[in-house]
Amino acid sequence: MPLKITLNPDGPLVLAAEDMPFPVLQTTDGEDITVQKKKAFLCRCGASQNKPFCDGAHVQDEYSDANRCTNDLLQNYSSDYITVHFNRSICSGAAECVRRL
């Protein structure tokens, strides 16, 4: 199974690498984060004190997918290795999601 990212409704993104080495994640400062397990839960609500990982803060903050913007401006950027789904309605424009690609 290749690297798989799934959406946990009203919660984090789940990054799983069952049959391959887990990728090295990076902080916004470019520091490597090594994950020892085959699965990581990544914060979507922005309230985690352990970013990029989920610490369950979405439950206390009552984060919900229903709170999404209703006028999404979606763009897709693809290469041989990755596809970035860009939503200008909710993006801060800091380019952190693609800066080191």
N, C-alpha and C. Protein backbone atom coordinates (compact mmCIF):
# COMPACT_ATOMS: atom_id res chain seq x y z
N MET A 1 0.84 -1.17 0.00
CA MET A 1 0.00 0.00 0.00
C MET A 1 0.89 1.24 0.00
N PRO A 2 0.64 2.16 -0.91
CA PRO A 2 1.42 3.39 -0.92
C PRO A 2 1.02 4.29 0.25
N LEU A 3 1.68 5.38 0.37
CA LEU A 3 1.34 6.38 1.38
C LEU A 3 -0.10 6.81 1.15
N LYS A 4 -0.87 6.87 2.22
CA LYS A 4 -2.29 7.17 2.10
C LYS A 4 -2.67 8.26 3.10
N ILE A 5 -3.40 9.27 2.62
CA ILE A 5 -3.92 10.33 3.48
C ILE A 5 -5.43 10.26 3.44
N THR A 6 -6.04 10.11 4.62
CA THR A 6 -7.50 10.06 4.69
C THR A 6 -7.99 11.13 5.65
N LEU A 7 -9.20 11.54 5.43
CA LEU A 7 -9.83 12.57 6.23
C LEU A 7 -10.66 11.92 7.32
N ASN A 8 -10.37 12.23 8.56
CA ASN A 8 -11.17 11.75 9.67
C ASN A 8 -12.26 12.82 9.88
N PRO A 9 -13.52 12.51 9.57
CA PRO A 9 -14.57 13.54 9.66
C PRO A 9 -14.56 14.27 11.00
N ASP A 10 -14.63 15.60 10.93
CA ASP A 10 -14.61 16.48 12.11
C ASP A 10 -13.34 16.32 12.94
N GLY A 11 -12.29 15.80 12.35
CA GLY A 11 -11.05 15.58 13.08
C GLY A 11 -9.83 15.70 12.20
N PRO A 12 -8.76 15.00 12.58
CA PRO A 12 -7.48 15.16 11.89
C PRO A 12 -7.39 14.43 10.55
N LEU A 13 -6.34 14.75 9.81
CA LEU A 13 -5.96 13.95 8.65
C LEU A 13 -5.17 12.76 9.18
N VAL A 14 -5.36 11.60 8.57
CA VAL A 14 -4.65 10.40 8.99
C VAL A 14 -3.66 10.05 7.87
N LEU A 15 -2.39 10.07 8.20
CA LEU A 15 -1.32 9.76 7.26
C LEU A 15 -0.81 8.36 7.59
N ALA A 16 -0.93 7.42 6.64
CA ALA A 16 -0.56 6.03 6.90
C ALA A 16 0.42 5.53 5.84
N ALA A 17 1.41 4.79 6.29
CA ALA A 17 2.41 4.19 5.41
C ALA A 17 2.61 2.75 5.86
N GLU A 18 1.69 1.88 5.48
CA GLU A 18 1.70 0.51 5.98
C GLU A 18 2.87 -0.33 5.46
N ASP A 19 3.09 -0.32 4.15
CA ASP A 19 4.09 -1.21 3.55
C ASP A 19 5.32 -0.47 3.04
N MET A 20 5.59 0.68 3.59
CA MET A 20 6.74 1.46 3.15
C MET A 20 7.26 2.27 4.33
N PRO A 21 8.48 2.76 4.26
CA PRO A 21 9.00 3.60 5.33
C PRO A 21 8.16 4.86 5.46
N PHE A 22 7.92 5.27 6.69
CA PHE A 22 7.14 6.48 6.91
C PHE A 22 7.98 7.68 6.47
N PRO A 23 7.39 8.62 5.76
CA PRO A 23 8.16 9.77 5.28
C PRO A 23 8.61 10.65 6.45
N VAL A 24 9.69 11.35 6.26
CA VAL A 24 10.15 12.30 7.26
C VAL A 24 9.36 13.58 7.05
N LEU A 25 8.67 14.02 8.07
CA LEU A 25 7.90 15.27 8.00
C LEU A 25 8.83 16.41 8.39
N GLN A 26 8.43 17.63 8.05
CA GLN A 26 9.23 18.79 8.42
C GLN A 26 8.37 19.86 9.08
N THR A 27 8.98 20.57 10.02
CA THR A 27 8.32 21.72 10.62
C THR A 27 8.36 22.87 9.62
N THR A 28 7.69 23.96 9.93
CA THR A 28 7.72 25.13 9.05
C THR A 28 9.11 25.74 9.00
N ASP A 29 9.98 25.40 9.97
CA ASP A 29 11.36 25.88 9.98
C ASP A 29 12.31 24.95 9.23
N GLY A 30 11.77 23.87 8.67
CA GLY A 30 12.60 22.94 7.91
C GLY A 30 13.26 21.86 8.75
N GLU A 31 12.92 21.77 10.03
CA GLU A 31 13.49 20.73 10.89
C GLU A 31 12.76 19.41 10.66
N ASP A 32 13.51 18.33 10.57
CA ASP A 32 12.92 17.01 10.35
C ASP A 32 12.18 16.52 11.59
N ILE A 33 11.05 15.88 11.35
CA ILE A 33 10.28 15.21 12.40
C ILE A 33 10.20 13.75 12.00
N THR A 34 10.80 12.87 12.77
CA THR A 34 10.77 11.45 12.47
C THR A 34 9.62 10.81 13.24
N VAL A 35 8.78 10.10 12.53
CA VAL A 35 7.65 9.40 13.14
C VAL A 35 8.02 7.93 13.26
N GLN A 36 7.92 7.38 14.45
CA GLN A 36 8.33 6.00 14.70
C GLN A 36 7.25 4.99 14.32
N LYS A 37 6.02 5.44 14.23
CA LYS A 37 4.91 4.52 13.92
C LYS A 37 4.61 4.56 12.43
N LYS A 38 3.66 3.76 12.02
CA LYS A 38 3.25 3.69 10.61
C LYS A 38 2.05 4.58 10.32
N LYS A 39 1.60 5.35 11.33
CA LYS A 39 0.43 6.20 11.16
C LYS A 39 0.61 7.47 11.99
N ALA A 40 0.17 8.61 11.44
CA ALA A 40 0.23 9.87 12.17
C ALA A 40 -1.09 10.60 11.96
N PHE A 41 -1.53 11.29 13.00
CA PHE A 41 -2.75 12.07 12.95
C PHE A 41 -2.35 13.54 12.91
N LEU A 42 -2.69 14.22 11.82
CA LEU A 42 -2.25 15.60 11.59
C LEU A 42 -3.39 16.58 11.83
N CYS A 43 -3.09 17.65 12.57
CA CYS A 43 -4.07 18.65 12.96
C CYS A 43 -4.68 19.36 11.75
N ARG A 44 -6.00 19.52 11.76
CA ARG A 44 -6.69 20.31 10.75
C ARG A 44 -7.35 21.53 11.36
N CYS A 45 -7.59 21.51 12.68
CA CYS A 45 -8.36 22.60 13.29
C CYS A 45 -7.49 23.80 13.64
N GLY A 46 -6.19 23.60 13.75
CA GLY A 46 -5.28 24.69 14.09
C GLY A 46 -5.10 24.93 15.57
N ALA A 47 -5.80 24.17 16.42
CA ALA A 47 -5.75 24.41 17.86
C ALA A 47 -4.77 23.50 18.60
N SER A 48 -4.18 22.52 17.94
CA SER A 48 -3.27 21.60 18.61
C SER A 48 -2.05 22.33 19.16
N GLN A 49 -1.62 21.92 20.35
CA GLN A 49 -0.40 22.46 20.94
C GLN A 49 0.81 21.61 20.53
N ASN A 50 0.59 20.59 19.70
CA ASN A 50 1.64 19.68 19.28
C ASN A 50 1.70 19.59 17.75
N LYS A 51 1.53 20.71 17.08
CA LYS A 51 1.51 20.73 15.61
C LYS A 51 2.82 20.21 15.05
N PRO A 52 2.79 19.47 13.97
CA PRO A 52 1.66 19.26 13.07
C PRO A 52 0.72 18.15 13.51
N PHE A 53 0.95 17.56 14.67
CA PHE A 53 0.16 16.42 15.11
C PHE A 53 -1.09 16.86 15.88
N CYS A 54 -2.12 16.05 15.78
CA CYS A 54 -3.36 16.29 16.49
C CYS A 54 -3.20 15.91 17.95
N ASP A 55 -3.68 16.76 18.85
CA ASP A 55 -3.67 16.43 20.28
C ASP A 55 -5.09 16.34 20.85
N GLY A 56 -6.08 16.30 19.96
CA GLY A 56 -7.47 16.19 20.40
C GLY A 56 -8.15 17.52 20.68
N ALA A 57 -7.47 18.63 20.45
CA ALA A 57 -8.04 19.95 20.74
C ALA A 57 -9.32 20.21 19.95
N HIS A 58 -9.48 19.55 18.80
CA HIS A 58 -10.67 19.76 17.98
C HIS A 58 -11.95 19.37 18.71
N VAL A 59 -11.85 18.42 19.64
CA VAL A 59 -13.03 17.98 20.38
C VAL A 59 -13.49 19.10 21.31
N GLN A 60 -12.56 19.66 22.07
CA GLN A 60 -12.90 20.75 23.00
C GLN A 60 -13.37 21.99 22.24
N ASP A 61 -12.76 22.28 21.10
CA ASP A 61 -13.14 23.45 20.30
C ASP A 61 -14.36 23.20 19.43
N GLU A 62 -14.89 21.98 19.48
CA GLU A 62 -16.06 21.59 18.69
C GLU A 62 -15.84 21.86 17.20
N TYR A 63 -14.62 21.52 16.72
CA TYR A 63 -14.31 21.67 15.30
C TYR A 63 -15.24 20.78 14.49
N SER A 64 -15.72 21.29 13.39
CA SER A 64 -16.62 20.53 12.54
C SER A 64 -16.34 20.82 11.08
N ASP A 65 -16.45 19.79 10.26
CA ASP A 65 -16.32 19.99 8.82
C ASP A 65 -17.44 20.89 8.29
N ALA A 66 -18.54 20.96 9.02
CA ALA A 66 -19.68 21.78 8.59
C ALA A 66 -19.35 23.27 8.62
N ASN A 67 -18.28 23.64 9.32
CA ASN A 67 -17.90 25.05 9.42
C ASN A 67 -17.08 25.54 8.24
N ARG A 68 -16.96 24.73 7.22
CA ARG A 68 -16.15 25.09 6.05
C ARG A 68 -16.78 26.23 5.28
N CYS A 69 -15.94 26.90 4.55
CA CYS A 69 -16.35 28.00 3.69
C CYS A 69 -17.31 27.48 2.61
N THR A 70 -18.31 28.26 2.27
CA THR A 70 -19.29 27.83 1.28
C THR A 70 -18.92 28.26 -0.14
N ASN A 71 -17.93 29.13 -0.28
CA ASN A 71 -17.56 29.58 -1.62
C ASN A 71 -16.11 29.19 -1.92
N ASP A 72 -15.85 27.89 -1.92
CA ASP A 72 -14.51 27.38 -2.18
C ASP A 72 -14.01 27.80 -3.56
N LEU A 73 -12.74 28.18 -3.62
CA LEU A 73 -12.07 28.49 -4.87
C LEU A 73 -10.96 27.46 -5.04
N LEU A 74 -11.28 26.35 -5.67
CA LEU A 74 -10.37 25.22 -5.73
C LEU A 74 -9.50 25.24 -6.98
N GLN A 75 -8.21 24.92 -6.77
CA GLN A 75 -7.26 24.75 -7.86
C GLN A 75 -6.42 23.53 -7.53
N ASN A 76 -6.04 22.76 -8.55
CA ASN A 76 -5.21 21.58 -8.36
C ASN A 76 -3.91 21.75 -9.11
N TYR A 77 -2.81 21.44 -8.44
CA TYR A 77 -1.48 21.50 -9.04
C TYR A 77 -0.87 20.11 -8.93
N SER A 78 -0.56 19.50 -10.07
CA SER A 78 -0.05 18.13 -10.07
C SER A 78 1.35 18.05 -10.66
N SER A 79 2.11 17.09 -10.14
CA SER A 79 3.39 16.73 -10.72
C SER A 79 3.42 15.20 -10.75
N ASP A 80 4.55 14.63 -11.10
CA ASP A 80 4.66 13.17 -11.12
C ASP A 80 4.59 12.58 -9.72
N TYR A 81 4.88 13.38 -8.70
CA TYR A 81 5.02 12.85 -7.34
C TYR A 81 3.94 13.29 -6.36
N ILE A 82 3.24 14.40 -6.65
CA ILE A 82 2.29 14.93 -5.67
C ILE A 82 1.24 15.77 -6.37
N THR A 83 0.05 15.82 -5.78
CA THR A 83 -0.98 16.74 -6.22
C THR A 83 -1.35 17.60 -5.02
N VAL A 84 -1.30 18.91 -5.20
CA VAL A 84 -1.70 19.85 -4.15
C VAL A 84 -3.06 20.39 -4.53
N HIS A 85 -4.02 20.25 -3.61
CA HIS A 85 -5.36 20.80 -3.80
C HIS A 85 -5.39 22.13 -3.05
N PHE A 86 -5.48 23.21 -3.78
CA PHE A 86 -5.37 24.56 -3.23
C PHE A 86 -6.75 25.19 -3.13
N ASN A 87 -7.11 25.63 -1.94
CA ASN A 87 -8.40 26.28 -1.72
C ASN A 87 -8.13 27.70 -1.23
N ARG A 88 -8.19 28.64 -2.13
CA ARG A 88 -7.87 30.03 -1.82
C ARG A 88 -8.79 30.62 -0.75
N SER A 89 -9.99 30.07 -0.61
CA SER A 89 -10.94 30.59 0.37
C SER A 89 -10.48 30.40 1.81
N ILE A 90 -9.67 29.36 2.04
CA ILE A 90 -9.25 29.09 3.42
C ILE A 90 -7.74 29.14 3.60
N CYS A 91 -7.00 29.43 2.53
CA CYS A 91 -5.54 29.44 2.60
C CYS A 91 -5.02 30.81 3.03
N SER A 92 -4.01 30.82 3.88
CA SER A 92 -3.41 32.08 4.30
C SER A 92 -2.44 32.64 3.27
N GLY A 93 -2.05 31.81 2.31
CA GLY A 93 -1.13 32.26 1.26
C GLY A 93 0.33 32.27 1.67
N ALA A 94 0.68 31.57 2.76
CA ALA A 94 2.05 31.55 3.23
C ALA A 94 2.93 30.56 2.46
N ALA A 95 2.34 29.71 1.66
CA ALA A 95 3.03 28.72 0.81
C ALA A 95 3.78 27.65 1.60
N GLU A 96 3.47 27.46 2.87
CA GLU A 96 4.17 26.46 3.66
C GLU A 96 3.87 25.04 3.18
N CYS A 97 2.72 24.83 2.55
CA CYS A 97 2.37 23.48 2.11
C CYS A 97 3.22 23.02 0.94
N VAL A 98 3.81 23.93 0.18
CA VAL A 98 4.60 23.54 -1.00
C VAL A 98 5.99 24.15 -1.04
N ARG A 99 6.38 24.91 -0.05
CA ARG A 99 7.64 25.66 -0.09
C ARG A 99 8.85 24.78 -0.42
N ARG A 100 9.00 23.62 0.19
CA ARG A 100 10.18 22.81 -0.03
C ARG A 100 9.97 21.66 -1.01
N LEU A 101 8.87 21.70 -1.74
CA LEU A 101 8.66 20.66 -2.76
C LEU A 101 9.53 21.01 -3.94
